[in-house]
Amino acid sequence: MHVANCRRAIAIAFLLVAFFCATATAQEIRVSLLGTGAPSPGMQRFGPSTLVEAGKHKLLFDAGRGALQRLAQLNIHWRDVDGVFLTHLHSDHVVGFPDLWLTGWLVRPGRQRPLHVWGPAGTRQMMAHLEQAYAFDIRIRQSDDRATPAGVVLLVADIAEGVVFEQDGVKVTAFAVDHGPVKPAFGYRVDYVGRSVVLSGDTRLSPNLIRHAQGVDVLVHEVVAPSIFHGPASVIEHHTTPAQAGEVFARTKPRLAVYSHIVPPTAAKQDLIPPTRKSYPGPLVVGEDLMVIDVGEKIGIHRFGRTPATTRKDGSD
């Protein structure tokens, strides 16, 4: 009898541990860097795209080249993406959208519900034109492949600054950033159960971003490395250098700063980290495609195919 009671107590203890672990995991925000590159094609850094998972919601921010393939690599089913938030309408941020939308609908088990899209003024018009451009394919897929009609529907909203999504405790706030002549351009903040993530979008040093990113858990920020960039000077002027990003990080004090949308995509740690360190000594990593960041009581960083690591302040494992 005593042995049976002990076994029962142990079983209950295991169940409680499993429950609390599952609850803790459910309360985390998970950030997956699907693409950390720029317009230049390359196999190491695909186009800009970031998946944020909070509670039961999977939210995609931008859909650059290869976003769907990266989701597949991480074993995240495209049908589970609840919506897409566009920072702005530059081609490198949207060129992967038709693939996500149409292939994600067609390939079984495909999407069986409408796909929500939020973005700056012009997003609704862009999506309407995409529906026209792919009208032949959509018609054939419905009649010949028997794809679910609801799965190809786009529900699109042109947004302004403010809260643009709020469900099940997950809140997404859009805020204006300064991407030169590209107006409007947005960054986004995601809040869930006391955790927070800010995605800068494309911007030069932005006081408005600094206001919205105060005390954030994770700040994912774009960067341009002027020391190795050989394109037009205007590109550097419309983005944030490592030295400027260091100022942003120093003023916002994130638990972790992350570089993504790296211009040029060949920029390495030695091009980015030393200039940042002139003003920012805190936790910093140079993002990689398929890097996964778990945001909870602790911040865990998982590099694809490698053992999870704790981040050092110099951005290395």
Protein backbone atom coordinates (compact mmCIF):
# COMPACT_ATOMS: atom_id res chain seq x y z
CA MET A 1 0.00 0.00 0.00
CA HIS A 2 2.85 2.34 0.97
CA VAL A 3 4.65 1.58 -2.32
CA ALA A 4 1.48 2.24 -4.32
CA ASN A 5 0.99 5.60 -2.60
CA CYS A 6 4.61 6.56 -3.28
CA ARG A 7 4.22 5.68 -6.94
CA ARG A 8 1.01 7.68 -7.12
CA ALA A 9 2.71 10.67 -5.47
CA ILE A 10 5.65 10.45 -7.88
CA ALA A 11 3.29 10.26 -10.86
CA ILE A 12 1.39 13.33 -9.64
CA ALA A 13 4.67 15.19 -9.12
CA PHE A 14 5.75 14.41 -12.68
CA LEU A 15 2.40 15.60 -14.00
CA LEU A 16 2.69 18.86 -12.06
CA VAL A 17 6.22 19.45 -13.34
CA ALA A 18 5.07 18.75 -16.90
CA PHE A 19 2.12 21.11 -16.46
CA PHE A 20 4.21 23.98 -15.12
CA CYS A 21 6.89 23.46 -17.77
CA ALA A 22 4.24 23.49 -20.49
CA THR A 23 2.69 26.62 -18.97
CA ALA A 24 6.07 28.37 -18.81
CA THR A 25 6.77 27.43 -22.42
CA ALA A 26 3.33 28.66 -23.49
CA GLN A 27 4.03 32.01 -21.87
CA GLU A 28 7.25 32.60 -23.74
CA ILE A 29 7.60 34.51 -26.96
CA ARG A 30 9.61 32.67 -29.60
CA VAL A 31 11.35 34.65 -32.33
CA SER A 32 12.57 32.78 -35.42
CA LEU A 33 14.80 34.64 -37.85
CA LEU A 34 13.72 33.13 -41.16
CA GLY A 35 15.72 35.53 -43.30
CA THR A 36 18.38 38.01 -42.17
CA GLY A 37 19.60 39.26 -45.55
CA ALA A 38 18.96 42.06 -47.99
CA PRO A 39 18.15 42.32 -51.73
CA SER A 40 21.44 40.69 -52.81
CA PRO A 41 20.81 36.98 -53.45
CA GLY A 42 22.72 34.55 -51.28
CA MET A 43 22.24 31.09 -49.84
CA GLN A 44 23.37 31.97 -46.31
CA ARG A 45 21.02 34.90 -45.75
CA PHE A 46 17.57 34.81 -47.33
CA GLY A 47 15.27 37.83 -47.61
CA PRO A 48 14.05 39.63 -44.47
CA SER A 49 11.38 37.71 -42.59
CA THR A 50 10.79 37.02 -38.91
CA LEU A 51 8.28 34.71 -37.25
CA VAL A 52 7.02 35.63 -33.78
CA GLU A 53 5.11 32.98 -31.83
CA ALA A 54 3.20 34.22 -28.80
CA GLY A 55 0.63 32.04 -27.05
CA LYS A 56 -1.26 30.18 -29.76
CA HIS A 57 -0.52 32.78 -32.45
CA LYS A 58 2.09 32.58 -35.18
CA LEU A 59 2.71 35.99 -36.72
CA LEU A 60 5.02 36.66 -39.66
CA PHE A 61 6.74 40.01 -40.07
CA ASP A 62 7.73 40.62 -43.70
CA ALA A 63 7.97 37.84 -46.27
CA GLY A 64 11.25 38.14 -48.11
CA ARG A 65 12.83 35.65 -50.47
CA GLY A 66 12.60 32.07 -49.18
CA ALA A 67 10.31 32.69 -46.19
CA LEU A 68 8.25 29.56 -46.94
CA GLN A 69 11.34 27.35 -47.29
CA ARG A 70 12.70 28.59 -43.97
CA LEU A 71 9.39 27.84 -42.25
CA ALA A 72 9.59 24.31 -43.66
CA GLN A 73 13.18 23.92 -42.42
CA LEU A 74 12.03 24.79 -38.90
CA ASN A 75 9.13 22.33 -39.17
CA ILE A 76 6.58 25.13 -38.82
CA HIS A 77 3.56 24.51 -41.02
CA TRP A 78 2.60 27.44 -43.22
CA ARG A 79 -1.10 26.79 -42.63
CA ASP A 80 -0.58 27.76 -38.98
CA VAL A 81 0.59 31.31 -39.75
CA ASP A 82 -2.20 33.59 -38.51
CA GLY A 83 -1.18 36.66 -40.45
CA VAL A 84 1.54 38.70 -42.13
CA PHE A 85 2.64 42.17 -41.01
CA LEU A 86 4.56 44.19 -43.59
CA THR A 87 6.97 46.89 -42.44
CA HIS A 88 6.98 48.58 -45.86
CA LEU A 89 6.56 47.66 -49.50
CA HIS A 90 10.13 47.39 -50.77
CA SER A 91 10.38 44.30 -52.98
CA ASP A 92 12.87 42.43 -50.78
CA HIS A 93 10.32 42.46 -47.94
CA VAL A 94 7.38 41.13 -49.98
CA VAL A 95 8.81 39.03 -52.82
CA GLY A 96 8.28 35.81 -50.84
CA PHE A 97 4.66 36.61 -50.09
CA PRO A 98 3.07 35.04 -53.22
CA ASP A 99 4.86 31.78 -52.44
CA LEU A 100 3.73 31.82 -48.81
CA TRP A 101 0.19 32.69 -49.87
CA LEU A 102 -0.34 30.38 -52.85
CA THR A 103 1.93 27.42 -52.12
CA GLY A 104 0.79 27.55 -48.50
CA TRP A 105 -2.75 27.19 -49.77
CA LEU A 106 -2.12 24.54 -52.43
CA VAL A 107 0.26 22.02 -50.83
CA ARG A 108 -1.65 19.66 -48.59
CA PRO A 109 -2.46 19.96 -45.83
CA GLY A 110 -2.84 23.54 -47.00
CA ARG A 111 -4.39 26.62 -45.52
CA GLN A 112 -8.16 26.32 -45.20
CA ARG A 113 -8.89 29.79 -43.83
CA PRO A 114 -8.27 33.34 -45.09
CA LEU A 115 -4.82 34.85 -44.64
CA HIS A 116 -4.72 38.20 -42.82
CA VAL A 117 -2.29 40.88 -44.01
CA TRP A 118 -1.47 44.17 -42.33
CA GLY A 119 0.77 46.82 -43.83
CA PRO A 120 1.26 50.50 -44.69
CA ALA A 121 -0.90 52.45 -47.12
CA GLY A 122 -0.71 50.69 -50.47
CA THR A 123 -0.77 47.17 -49.05
CA ARG A 124 -4.43 46.62 -49.94
CA GLN A 125 -3.80 47.77 -53.50
CA MET A 126 -0.73 45.54 -53.83
CA MET A 127 -2.66 42.48 -52.64
CA ALA A 128 -5.56 43.24 -54.98
CA HIS A 129 -3.13 43.34 -57.91
CA LEU A 130 -1.55 40.07 -56.80
CA GLU A 131 -4.99 38.46 -56.79
CA GLN A 132 -5.46 39.69 -60.37
CA ALA A 133 -1.99 38.55 -61.44
CA TYR A 134 -2.60 35.02 -60.13
CA ALA A 135 -6.28 34.80 -61.09
CA PHE A 136 -5.65 32.07 -63.70
CA ASP A 137 -3.67 29.93 -61.25
CA ILE A 138 -6.25 30.41 -58.48
CA ARG A 139 -9.08 29.37 -60.78
CA ILE A 140 -7.27 26.23 -62.00
CA ARG A 141 -6.19 25.21 -58.51
CA GLN A 142 -9.77 25.40 -57.27
CA SER A 143 -11.29 23.49 -60.17
CA ASP A 144 -8.52 20.96 -60.88
CA ASP A 145 -6.61 20.56 -57.60
CA ARG A 146 -9.70 21.07 -55.45
CA ALA A 147 -7.90 23.53 -53.17
CA THR A 148 -10.16 24.94 -50.44
CA PRO A 149 -11.60 28.27 -51.69
CA ALA A 150 -11.39 29.94 -48.26
CA GLY A 151 -7.65 29.31 -48.05
CA VAL A 152 -6.76 31.68 -50.88
CA VAL A 153 -8.79 34.61 -49.53
CA LEU A 154 -6.76 37.62 -48.38
CA LEU A 155 -8.11 39.87 -45.62
CA VAL A 156 -6.02 43.02 -45.92
CA ALA A 157 -5.80 46.19 -43.85
CA ASP A 158 -3.86 49.37 -44.53
CA ILE A 159 -2.75 50.40 -41.06
CA ALA A 160 -1.71 53.54 -39.21
CA GLU A 161 0.43 53.86 -36.10
CA GLY A 162 -1.09 52.20 -33.04
CA VAL A 163 -2.37 48.80 -31.89
CA VAL A 164 -3.16 46.76 -35.02
CA PHE A 165 -3.73 43.29 -33.52
CA GLU A 166 -4.95 42.23 -30.08
CA GLN A 167 -6.16 38.70 -29.37
CA ASP A 168 -5.74 36.18 -26.54
CA GLY A 169 -3.39 38.47 -24.65
CA VAL A 170 -1.15 39.07 -27.69
CA LYS A 171 -0.81 42.73 -28.70
CA VAL A 172 0.96 44.03 -31.80
CA THR A 173 1.67 47.75 -32.00
CA ALA A 174 2.84 49.46 -35.19
CA PHE A 175 5.01 52.56 -34.92
CA ALA A 176 6.39 54.82 -37.63
CA VAL A 177 10.10 54.68 -38.42
CA ASP A 178 12.30 56.78 -40.73
CA HIS A 179 13.28 54.93 -43.91
CA GLY A 180 14.04 58.05 -45.90
CA PRO A 181 11.66 58.57 -48.83
CA VAL A 182 9.81 55.32 -48.09
CA LYS A 183 6.74 56.56 -46.26
CA PRO A 184 5.02 55.17 -44.38
CA ALA A 185 7.38 52.57 -42.96
CA PHE A 186 6.72 50.76 -39.69
CA GLY A 187 8.41 48.89 -36.92
CA TYR A 188 6.39 46.57 -34.70
CA ARG A 189 6.25 45.73 -31.00
CA VAL A 190 4.77 42.43 -29.79
CA ASP A 191 3.68 42.14 -26.13
CA TYR A 192 2.52 38.97 -24.40
CA VAL A 193 2.30 38.06 -20.69
CA GLY A 194 4.91 40.60 -19.67
CA ARG A 195 7.35 39.69 -22.45
CA SER A 196 8.11 41.93 -25.41
CA VAL A 197 9.86 41.97 -28.76
CA VAL A 198 10.49 44.93 -31.05
CA LEU A 199 11.25 44.60 -34.77
CA SER A 200 12.75 47.76 -36.22
CA GLY A 201 11.82 47.31 -39.86
CA ASP A 202 13.99 49.37 -42.21
CA THR A 203 15.01 52.64 -40.61
CA ARG A 204 17.78 55.05 -39.92
CA LEU A 205 18.26 56.10 -36.29
CA SER A 206 14.68 56.60 -35.13
CA PRO A 207 13.67 58.46 -31.93
CA ASN A 208 10.18 56.98 -32.31
CA LEU A 209 11.61 53.46 -32.27
CA ILE A 210 13.60 54.33 -29.14
CA ARG A 211 10.37 55.45 -27.46
CA HIS A 212 8.57 52.22 -28.32
CA ALA A 213 11.49 49.93 -27.45
CA GLN A 214 12.22 51.12 -23.91
CA GLY A 215 13.06 48.16 -21.67
CA VAL A 216 12.09 45.62 -24.32
CA ASP A 217 13.19 42.00 -23.86
CA VAL A 218 14.51 41.55 -27.40
CA LEU A 219 15.20 44.26 -29.97
CA VAL A 220 15.74 42.96 -33.51
CA HIS A 221 17.31 45.80 -35.47
CA GLU A 222 18.43 46.24 -39.05
CA VAL A 223 22.00 47.34 -39.80
CA VAL A 224 24.23 48.50 -42.65
CA ALA A 225 28.00 48.08 -42.54
CA PRO A 226 29.41 51.18 -44.31
CA SER A 227 32.98 49.83 -44.14
CA ILE A 228 32.21 47.11 -46.70
CA PHE A 229 29.14 48.47 -48.51
CA HIS A 230 29.91 49.63 -52.06
CA GLY A 231 26.46 50.71 -53.24
CA PRO A 232 24.88 54.18 -53.40
CA ALA A 233 25.49 56.45 -50.40
CA SER A 234 21.71 56.95 -50.11
CA VAL A 235 21.38 53.33 -48.97
CA ILE A 236 23.58 54.01 -45.96
CA GLU A 237 21.67 57.23 -45.26
CA HIS A 238 18.36 55.34 -45.13
CA HIS A 239 19.58 52.62 -42.77
CA THR A 240 21.29 52.37 -39.37
CA THR A 241 25.04 51.92 -38.99
CA PRO A 242 26.47 49.76 -36.18
CA ALA A 243 27.62 52.88 -34.31
CA GLN A 244 24.13 54.38 -34.53
CA ALA A 245 22.52 51.08 -33.53
CA GLY A 246 24.79 51.06 -30.48
CA GLU A 247 23.25 54.39 -29.46
CA VAL A 248 19.76 52.91 -29.90
CA PHE A 249 20.62 49.86 -27.78
CA ALA A 250 22.26 52.00 -25.10
CA ARG A 251 19.13 54.16 -24.84
CA THR A 252 16.58 51.33 -24.93
CA LYS A 253 18.49 48.79 -22.80
CA PRO A 254 17.05 45.54 -24.23
CA ARG A 255 17.78 42.26 -22.49
CA LEU A 256 19.12 41.16 -25.87
CA ALA A 257 19.94 43.12 -29.03
CA VAL A 258 19.90 41.24 -32.33
CA TYR A 259 21.11 42.32 -35.76
CA SER A 260 19.01 41.23 -38.74
CA HIS A 261 18.35 42.51 -42.28
CA ILE A 262 22.12 42.84 -42.61
CA VAL A 263 23.39 45.06 -45.44
CA PRO A 264 25.38 43.78 -47.23
CA PRO A 265 24.56 40.16 -46.37
CA THR A 266 28.29 39.33 -46.39
CA ALA A 267 28.91 41.56 -43.37
CA ALA A 268 30.50 39.60 -40.52
CA LYS A 269 30.81 40.06 -36.76
CA GLN A 270 34.05 42.00 -37.13
CA ASP A 271 32.25 44.52 -39.36
CA LEU A 272 29.34 45.01 -36.97
CA ILE A 273 30.23 44.38 -33.34
CA PRO A 274 33.31 46.62 -32.71
CA PRO A 275 31.56 49.86 -33.86
CA THR A 276 28.51 48.93 -31.77
CA ARG A 277 30.66 48.45 -28.68
CA LYS A 278 31.71 52.12 -28.73
CA SER A 279 28.44 52.97 -26.98
CA TYR A 280 26.74 49.67 -26.08
CA PRO A 281 28.31 47.02 -23.80
CA GLY A 282 25.21 44.85 -23.38
CA PRO A 283 24.08 41.48 -24.78
CA LEU A 284 24.28 41.43 -28.58
CA VAL A 285 24.15 38.79 -31.30
CA VAL A 286 24.52 38.96 -35.06
CA GLY A 287 21.44 37.15 -36.33
CA GLU A 288 21.62 34.15 -38.62
CA ASP A 289 18.97 32.52 -40.77
CA LEU A 290 17.05 29.90 -38.75
CA MET A 291 18.22 31.32 -35.41
CA VAL A 292 15.50 30.83 -32.79
CA ILE A 293 15.27 33.03 -29.68
CA ASP A 294 13.09 31.99 -26.73
CA VAL A 295 12.03 34.91 -24.56
CA GLY A 296 11.02 34.02 -21.04
CA GLU A 297 12.56 34.39 -17.60
CA LYS A 298 15.79 33.58 -19.42
CA ILE A 299 16.59 34.20 -23.05
CA GLY A 300 17.71 31.15 -24.97
CA ILE A 301 19.34 31.22 -28.40
CA HIS A 302 19.24 28.20 -30.70
CA ARG A 303 21.28 28.11 -33.87
CA PHE A 304 20.01 25.68 -36.48
CA GLY A 305 21.71 22.31 -36.12
CA ARG A 306 23.67 23.39 -33.06
CA THR A 307 23.29 22.98 -29.29
CA PRO A 308 21.32 25.79 -27.56
CA ALA A 309 23.65 28.43 -26.14
CA THR A 310 23.75 31.22 -23.64
CA THR A 311 24.74 34.51 -25.26
CA ARG A 312 27.86 36.36 -24.21
CA LYS A 313 27.97 40.11 -24.36
CA ASP A 314 30.32 40.07 -27.35
CA GLY A 315 27.72 38.30 -29.44
CA SER A 316 29.43 34.92 -29.45
CA ASP A 317 28.44 31.60 -27.90
